[in-house]
C-alpha atoms as a PDB file:
ATOM      1  CA  MET A   1      98.223  84.998 119.624  1.00  0.00           C
ATOM      2  CA  ILE A   2      94.898  86.018 119.495  1.00  0.00           C
ATOM      3  CA  GLU A   3      91.985  84.085 121.173  1.00  0.00           C
ATOM      4  CA  LEU A   4      88.334  84.875 121.331  1.00  0.00           C
ATOM      5  CA  LYS A   5      85.703  82.887 123.769  1.00  0.00           C
ATOM      6  CA  ALA A   6      82.166  83.712 123.708  1.00  0.00           C
ATOM      7  CA  LEU A   7      82.838  87.247 122.953  1.00  0.00           C
ATOM      8  CA  SER A   8      79.955  89.905 122.379  1.00  0.00           C
ATOM      9  CA  LYS A   9      79.594  93.358 121.953  1.00  0.00           C
ATOM     10  CA  ILE A  10      76.273  94.952 122.201  1.00  0.00           C
ATOM     11  CA  TYR A  11      75.178  98.653 121.524  1.00  0.00           C
ATOM     12  CA  ARG A  12      72.415 100.072 123.689  1.00  0.00           C
ATOM     13  CA  THR A  13      70.396 103.114 123.520  1.00  0.00           C
ATOM     14  CA  ASP A  14      67.175 103.903 125.413  1.00  0.00           C
ATOM     15  CA  THR A  15      64.711 102.249 122.922  1.00  0.00           C
ATOM     16  CA  VAL A  16      67.154  99.645 120.669  1.00  0.00           C
ATOM     17  CA  GLU A  17      69.726  96.725 121.408  1.00  0.00           C
ATOM     18  CA  THR A  18      71.960  96.002 118.552  1.00  0.00           C
ATOM     19  CA  THR A  19      74.116  92.684 118.676  1.00  0.00           C
ATOM     20  CA  ALA A  20      77.395  93.779 116.842  1.00  0.00           C
ATOM     21  CA  LEU A  21      79.419  90.811 117.237  1.00  0.00           C
ATOM     22  CA  ASN A  22      77.719  87.434 119.074  1.00  0.00           C
ATOM     23  CA  GLU A  23      79.293  84.978 121.292  1.00  0.00           C
ATOM     24  CA  LEU A  24      82.561  84.946 118.776  1.00  0.00           C
ATOM     25  CA  ASN A  25      84.982  82.042 119.165  1.00  0.00           C
ATOM     26  CA  LEU A  26      88.348  82.612 117.207  1.00  0.00           C
ATOM     27  CA  HIS A  27      91.657  81.505 117.681  1.00  0.00           C
ATOM     28  CA  ILE A  28      94.375  83.301 115.675  1.00  0.00           C
ATOM     29  CA  GLN A  29      98.205  81.900 115.648  1.00  0.00           C
ATOM     30  CA  LYS A  30     101.243  84.046 115.556  1.00  0.00           C
ATOM     31  CA  GLY A  31     102.523  84.553 112.088  1.00  0.00           C
ATOM     32  CA  ASN A  32      99.340  84.162 110.368  1.00  0.00           C
ATOM     33  CA  PHE A  33      97.429  86.359 107.752  1.00  0.00           C
ATOM     34  CA  VAL A  34      93.720  86.204 108.136  1.00  0.00           C
ATOM     35  CA  ALA A  35      91.416  88.386 105.768  1.00  0.00           C
ATOM     36  CA  ILE A  36      87.915  88.822 107.410  1.00  0.00           C
ATOM     37  CA  LYS A  37      84.851  89.329 104.928  1.00  0.00           C
ATOM     38  CA  GLY A  38      81.142  89.775 105.309  1.00  0.00           C
ATOM     39  CA  PRO A  39      78.856  92.498 104.468  1.00  0.00           C
ATOM     40  CA  SER A  40      78.295  96.250 105.640  1.00  0.00           C
ATOM     41  CA  GLY A  41      77.262  96.096 108.975  1.00  0.00           C
ATOM     42  CA  CYS A  42      78.254  92.658 110.053  1.00  0.00           C
ATOM     43  CA  GLY A  43      80.481  93.305 112.879  1.00  0.00           C
ATOM     44  CA  LYS A  44      84.212  93.568 110.806  1.00  0.00           C
ATOM     45  CA  THR A  45      85.396  96.761 111.984  1.00  0.00           C
ATOM     46  CA  THR A  46      83.926  96.396 115.748  1.00  0.00           C
ATOM     47  CA  LEU A  47      85.813  93.439 115.854  1.00  0.00           C
ATOM     48  CA  LEU A  48      89.146  94.680 114.712  1.00  0.00           C
ATOM     49  CA  ASN A  49      88.712  97.630 117.059  1.00  0.00           C
ATOM     50  CA  ILE A  50      88.196  95.281 119.936  1.00  0.00           C
ATOM     51  CA  ILE A  51      90.963  93.027 118.949  1.00  0.00           C
ATOM     52  CA  GLY A  52      93.106  96.461 118.544  1.00  0.00           C
ATOM     53  CA  LEU A  53      92.086  97.557 122.234  1.00  0.00           C
ATOM     54  CA  MET A  54      90.172 100.745 120.869  1.00  0.00           C
ATOM     55  CA  ASP A  55      87.032  99.362 122.013  1.00  0.00           C
ATOM     56  CA  LYS A  56      85.975  96.632 124.944  1.00  0.00           C
ATOM     57  CA  PRO A  57      83.724  93.918 124.455  1.00  0.00           C
ATOM     58  CA  SER A  58      80.409  93.584 126.686  1.00  0.00           C
ATOM     59  CA  LYS A  59      80.815  90.489 127.487  1.00  0.00           C
ATOM     60  CA  GLY A  60      83.390  87.133 126.936  1.00  0.00           C
ATOM     61  CA  THR A  61      87.023  87.047 126.950  1.00  0.00           C
ATOM     62  CA  LEU A  62      90.142  88.176 124.627  1.00  0.00           C
ATOM     63  CA  ARG A  63      93.641  87.220 125.108  1.00  0.00           C
ATOM     64  CA  ILE A  64      96.615  88.713 123.409  1.00  0.00           C
ATOM     65  CA  ASP A  65     100.052  87.186 123.812  1.00  0.00           C
ATOM     66  CA  ASP A  66      98.648  84.862 126.629  1.00  0.00           C
ATOM     67  CA  LYS A  67      97.146  88.191 128.519  1.00  0.00           C
ATOM     68  CA  ASN A  68      93.868  88.031 129.617  1.00  0.00           C
ATOM     69  CA  VAL A  69      92.984  91.837 128.157  1.00  0.00           C
ATOM     70  CA  GLU A  70      90.054  92.439 130.353  1.00  0.00           C
ATOM     71  CA  GLN A  71      92.280  92.042 133.409  1.00  0.00           C
ATOM     72  CA  LEU A  72      94.561  94.659 132.614  1.00  0.00           C
ATOM     73  CA  SER A  73      94.557  98.295 133.713  1.00  0.00           C
ATOM     74  CA  GLU A  74      93.876 101.377 131.273  1.00  0.00           C
ATOM     75  CA  ARG A  75      97.881 101.705 131.259  1.00  0.00           C
ATOM     76  CA  GLU A  76      98.516  98.353 130.443  1.00  0.00           C
ATOM     77  CA  ARG A  77      96.141  98.376 128.042  1.00  0.00           C
ATOM     78  CA  ASN A  78      97.817 101.245 126.480  1.00  0.00           C
ATOM     79  CA  SER A  79     101.189 100.052 126.592  1.00  0.00           C
ATOM     80  CA  LEU A  80     100.346  96.625 125.031  1.00  0.00           C
ATOM     81  CA  ARG A  81      98.606  98.346 122.008  1.00  0.00           C
ATOM     82  CA  ARG A  82     101.504 100.705 121.419  1.00  0.00           C
ATOM     83  CA  SER A  83     103.947  97.881 121.650  1.00  0.00           C
ATOM     84  CA  THR A  84     102.145  94.966 119.970  1.00  0.00           C
ATOM     85  CA  ILE A  85      99.770  96.287 117.508  1.00  0.00           C
ATOM     86  CA  GLY A  86      99.900  98.591 114.377  1.00  0.00           C
ATOM     87  CA  PHE A  87      97.229  99.802 112.595  1.00  0.00           C
ATOM     88  CA  LEU A  88      96.471 100.603 108.991  1.00  0.00           C
ATOM     89  CA  PHE A  89      93.428 102.514 108.171  1.00  0.00           C
ATOM     90  CA  GLN A  90      91.386 103.121 104.635  1.00  0.00           C
ATOM     91  CA  LYS A  91      91.311 106.731 105.540  1.00  0.00           C
ATOM     92  CA  PHE A  92      94.902 107.206 105.722  1.00  0.00           C
ATOM     93  CA  ASN A  93      94.342 108.815 109.057  1.00  0.00           C
ATOM     94  CA  LEU A  94      97.516 110.807 108.845  1.00  0.00           C
ATOM     95  CA  ILE A  95      98.131 114.449 110.284  1.00  0.00           C
ATOM     96  CA  GLU A  96      97.572 116.739 107.486  1.00  0.00           C
ATOM     97  CA  SER A  97      99.956 119.640 109.835  1.00  0.00           C
ATOM     98  CA  LEU A  98     102.846 117.305 110.143  1.00  0.00           C
ATOM     99  CA  SER A  99     105.323 116.284 107.261  1.00  0.00           C
ATOM    100  CA  VAL A 100     105.737 112.776 106.129  1.00  0.00           C
ATOM    101  CA  PHE A 101     108.617 112.365 108.009  1.00  0.00           C
ATOM    102  CA  GLU A 102     106.894 113.574 111.068  1.00  0.00           C
ATOM    103  CA  ASN A 103     103.942 111.476 110.664  1.00  0.00           C
ATOM    104  CA  VAL A 104     106.063 108.324 110.711  1.00  0.00           C
ATOM    105  CA  GLU A 105     107.851 109.724 113.756  1.00  0.00           C
ATOM    106  CA  LEU A 106     105.076 110.295 115.778  1.00  0.00           C
ATOM    107  CA  PRO A 107     104.771 106.617 117.599  1.00  0.00           C
ATOM    108  CA  LEU A 108     108.855 106.728 118.556  1.00  0.00           C
ATOM    109  CA  LEU A 109     108.205 109.918 120.297  1.00  0.00           C
ATOM    110  CA  TYR A 110     105.518 108.491 122.381  1.00  0.00           C
ATOM    111  CA  LYS A 111     108.059 105.900 123.324  1.00  0.00           C
ATOM    112  CA  LYS A 112     110.358 108.666 124.114  1.00  0.00           C
ATOM    113  CA  VAL A 113     113.072 107.110 121.682  1.00  0.00           C
ATOM    114  CA  ASN A 114     116.083 109.354 121.255  1.00  0.00           C
ATOM    115  CA  ARG A 115     116.506 111.771 118.344  1.00  0.00           C
ATOM    116  CA  VAL A 116     119.085 110.294 116.695  1.00  0.00           C
ATOM    117  CA  THR A 117     117.622 106.656 116.437  1.00  0.00           C
ATOM    118  CA  ARG A 118     114.261 108.075 115.606  1.00  0.00           C
ATOM    119  CA  ARG A 119     115.694 109.668 112.634  1.00  0.00           C
ATOM    120  CA  GLU A 120     117.537 106.438 111.396  1.00  0.00           C
ATOM    121  CA  LYS A 121     114.380 104.169 111.535  1.00  0.00           C
ATOM    122  CA  VAL A 122     112.428 106.819 110.055  1.00  0.00           C
ATOM    123  CA  MET A 123     114.724 107.171 107.248  1.00  0.00           C
ATOM    124  CA  SER A 124     115.581 103.425 106.740  1.00  0.00           C
ATOM    125  CA  LEU A 125     111.711 102.813 106.514  1.00  0.00           C
ATOM    126  CA  LEU A 126     110.828 105.552 104.165  1.00  0.00           C
ATOM    127  CA  GLN A 127     113.693 104.332 101.945  1.00  0.00           C
ATOM    128  CA  GLN A 128     112.805 100.756 102.375  1.00  0.00           C
ATOM    129  CA  LEU A 129     109.015 101.968 100.947  1.00  0.00           C
ATOM    130  CA  GLY A 130     110.204 103.904  98.338  1.00  0.00           C
ATOM    131  CA  ILE A 131     109.042 107.446  99.586  1.00  0.00           C
ATOM    132  CA  GLU A 132     112.089 108.957 101.355  1.00  0.00           C
ATOM    133  CA  GLY A 133     112.180 111.338  98.834  1.00  0.00           C
ATOM    134  CA  ARG A 134     108.962 112.484 100.172  1.00  0.00           C
ATOM    135  CA  LYS A 135     109.723 113.021 103.645  1.00  0.00           C
ATOM    136  CA  ASP A 136     109.454 116.855 103.961  1.00  0.00           C
ATOM    137  CA  HIS A 137     106.011 116.827 101.788  1.00  0.00           C
ATOM    138  CA  PHE A 138     102.504 116.943 103.751  1.00  0.00           C
ATOM    139  CA  PRO A 139      99.668 114.560 103.094  1.00  0.00           C
ATOM    140  CA  HIS A 140      97.972 116.853 100.800  1.00  0.00           C
ATOM    141  CA  GLN A 141     100.627 116.672  98.158  1.00  0.00           C
ATOM    142  CA  LEU A 142     100.685 113.190  98.215  1.00  0.00           C
ATOM    143  CA  SER A 143      99.124 110.518  95.896  1.00  0.00           C
ATOM    144  CA  GLY A 144      96.369 108.185  97.741  1.00  0.00           C
ATOM    145  CA  GLY A 145      99.166 105.278  97.283  1.00  0.00           C
ATOM    146  CA  GLN A 146     101.973 107.193  98.543  1.00  0.00           C
ATOM    147  CA  GLN A 147      99.740 108.267 102.100  1.00  0.00           C
ATOM    148  CA  GLN A 148      98.870 104.675 102.508  1.00  0.00           C
ATOM    149  CA  ARG A 149     102.734 104.168 102.362  1.00  0.00           C
ATOM    150  CA  VAL A 150     103.269 106.261 104.890  1.00  0.00           C
ATOM    151  CA  SER A 151     100.390 105.244 107.042  1.00  0.00           C
ATOM    152  CA  LEU A 152     101.865 101.941 106.512  1.00  0.00           C
ATOM    153  CA  ALA A 153     105.627 102.953 107.586  1.00  0.00           C
ATOM    154  CA  ARG A 154     104.078 104.850 110.877  1.00  0.00           C
ATOM    155  CA  SER A 155     101.893 101.684 111.492  1.00  0.00           C
ATOM    156  CA  VAL A 156     105.087  99.441 111.562  1.00  0.00           C
ATOM    157  CA  ILE A 157     107.655 101.807 112.690  1.00  0.00           C
ATOM    158  CA  ASN A 158     107.780 100.232 116.367  1.00  0.00           C
ATOM    159  CA  ASP A 159     108.069  96.549 115.248  1.00  0.00           C
ATOM    160  CA  PRO A 160     104.590  95.348 115.915  1.00  0.00           C
ATOM    161  CA  GLN A 161     103.998  92.156 115.635  1.00  0.00           C
ATOM    162  CA  LEU A 162     100.382  92.408 115.150  1.00  0.00           C
ATOM    163  CA  ILE A 163      99.384  94.394 112.214  1.00  0.00           C
ATOM    164  CA  LEU A 164      95.495  95.447 111.893  1.00  0.00           C
ATOM    165  CA  ALA A 165      94.589  96.660 108.518  1.00  0.00           C
ATOM    166  CA  ASP A 166      90.914  97.828 108.194  1.00  0.00           C
ATOM    167  CA  GLU A 167      90.495  97.900 104.365  1.00  0.00           C
ATOM    168  CA  PRO A 168      93.727  99.030 103.337  1.00  0.00           C
ATOM    169  CA  THR A 169      92.787  99.217  99.713  1.00  0.00           C
ATOM    170  CA  GLY A 170      89.222 100.897  99.918  1.00  0.00           C
ATOM    171  CA  ASN A 171      90.807 104.117  98.860  1.00  0.00           C
ATOM    172  CA  LEU A 172      93.326 103.264  96.182  1.00  0.00           C
ATOM    173  CA  ASP A 173      93.047 102.120  92.361  1.00  0.00           C
ATOM    174  CA  SER A 174      94.103  98.590  91.532  1.00  0.00           C
ATOM    175  CA  ALA A 175      97.836  98.995  90.882  1.00  0.00           C
ATOM    176  CA  ASN A 176      98.276 100.986  94.545  1.00  0.00           C
ATOM    177  CA  GLY A 177      95.827  98.073  95.888  1.00  0.00           C
ATOM    178  CA  ARG A 178      98.111  95.725  94.522  1.00  0.00           C
ATOM    179  CA  GLU A 179     101.090  97.575  95.908  1.00  0.00           C
ATOM    180  CA  VAL A 180     100.053  98.023  99.765  1.00  0.00           C
ATOM    181  CA  MET A 181      98.980  94.319  99.389  1.00  0.00           C
ATOM    182  CA  ARG A 182     102.631  93.255  98.263  1.00  0.00           C
ATOM    183  CA  LEU A 183     104.033  95.478 101.251  1.00  0.00           C
ATOM    184  CA  LEU A 184     101.663  93.627 103.775  1.00  0.00           C
ATOM    185  CA  SER A 185     102.418  90.272 102.172  1.00  0.00           C
ATOM    186  CA  ASP A 186     106.086  91.072 102.896  1.00  0.00           C
ATOM    187  CA  LEU A 187     105.587  92.233 106.810  1.00  0.00           C
ATOM    188  CA  HIS A 188     103.798  88.673 107.097  1.00  0.00           C
ATOM    189  CA  LYS A 189     106.740  86.524 105.402  1.00  0.00           C
ATOM    190  CA  GLU A 190     108.900  88.877 108.195  1.00  0.00           C
ATOM    191  CA  GLY A 191     107.012  87.079 110.599  1.00  0.00           C
ATOM    192  CA  ARG A 192     104.124  89.313 111.689  1.00  0.00           C
ATOM    193  CA  THR A 193     100.638  88.676 112.241  1.00  0.00           C
ATOM    194  CA  ILE A 194      98.224  90.084 109.933  1.00  0.00           C
ATOM    195  CA  LEU A 195      94.527  90.733 110.491  1.00  0.00           C
ATOM    196  CA  MET A 196      93.245  92.474 107.463  1.00  0.00           C
ATOM    197  CA  VAL A 197      88.929  93.611 106.785  1.00  0.00           C
ATOM    198  CA  THR A 198      88.218  93.475 103.031  1.00  0.00           C
ATOM    199  CA  HIS A 199      85.511  93.481 100.644  1.00  0.00           C
ATOM    200  CA  ASP A 200      87.514  92.567  97.992  1.00  0.00           C
ATOM    201  CA  ASP A 201      87.702  88.914  96.822  1.00  0.00           C
ATOM    202  CA  HIS A 202      91.057  89.058  95.245  1.00  0.00           C
ATOM    203  CA  TYR A 203      92.854  90.980  98.129  1.00  0.00           C
ATOM    204  CA  ALA A 204      91.410  88.359 100.437  1.00  0.00           C
ATOM    205  CA  GLU A 205      93.070  85.479  98.759  1.00  0.00           C
ATOM    206  CA  TYR A 206      96.399  87.038  99.762  1.00  0.00           C
ATOM    207  CA  ALA A 207      95.639  85.670 103.324  1.00  0.00           C
ATOM    208  CA  GLY A 208      96.333  81.994 104.423  1.00  0.00           C
ATOM    209  CA  GLN A 209      92.852  82.167 106.288  1.00  0.00           C
ATOM    210  CA  ILE A 210      89.801  84.002 105.494  1.00  0.00           C
ATOM    211  CA  ILE A 211      86.972  84.498 108.175  1.00  0.00           C
ATOM    212  CA  LEU A 212      83.207  85.102 106.920  1.00  0.00           C
ATOM    213  CA  LEU A 213      81.317  87.209 109.332  1.00  0.00           C
ATOM    214  CA  ASN A 214      77.460  87.527 109.222  1.00  0.00           C
ATOM    215  CA  ASP A 215      75.227  89.323 111.710  1.00  0.00           C
ATOM    216  CA  GLY A 216      78.019  89.101 114.180  1.00  0.00           C
ATOM    217  CA  MET A 217      78.702  85.719 113.763  1.00  0.00           C
ATOM    218  CA  ILE A 218      81.371  83.343 112.002  1.00  0.00           C
ATOM    219  CA  VAL A 219      79.770  81.380 109.077  1.00  0.00           C
END
């Protein structure tokens, strides 16, 4: 599903050149659960952002679903991102002025899904995650674990085949962290591909494959 060939990311200023990713070669098959580990600053989040089409490599090739991403127009990239990829962030990234229901509904609005179908899909997912009773609450009224469930619901509402999770348990206590990992494992069992950045050895063990990064290279 994901293939990187000699992929590099270099950040340049007038005086400094920093190599965040250094000619990575990587192949992730559809349906795999992969954890990316490594010290801070090793390129983990940069790699996730490039695979998530939120950033572009300096050189090399990225293919998603057998599509060469560099050959896609910006409109095609956006379409691929919305239809194929779901994002789960450490800081939840919920919109404070929107209710739980509205936060989860937002991706469906972008896809112009009709109102009845939106409500059915959102309520079904909130019920599945055990937070249907919080649908009218706002993010500041929720615990960290509840906010991450809302974020997870939003990330999968469009049925993406690829879920990118950047330290999804980083702001949670151990009980809520285990619950989020259980939910990710359930999504993996449904056939979704999951790529997760983590510092935690225990949570990395949920994955079937662990990739170690250091200085922008796979070790």
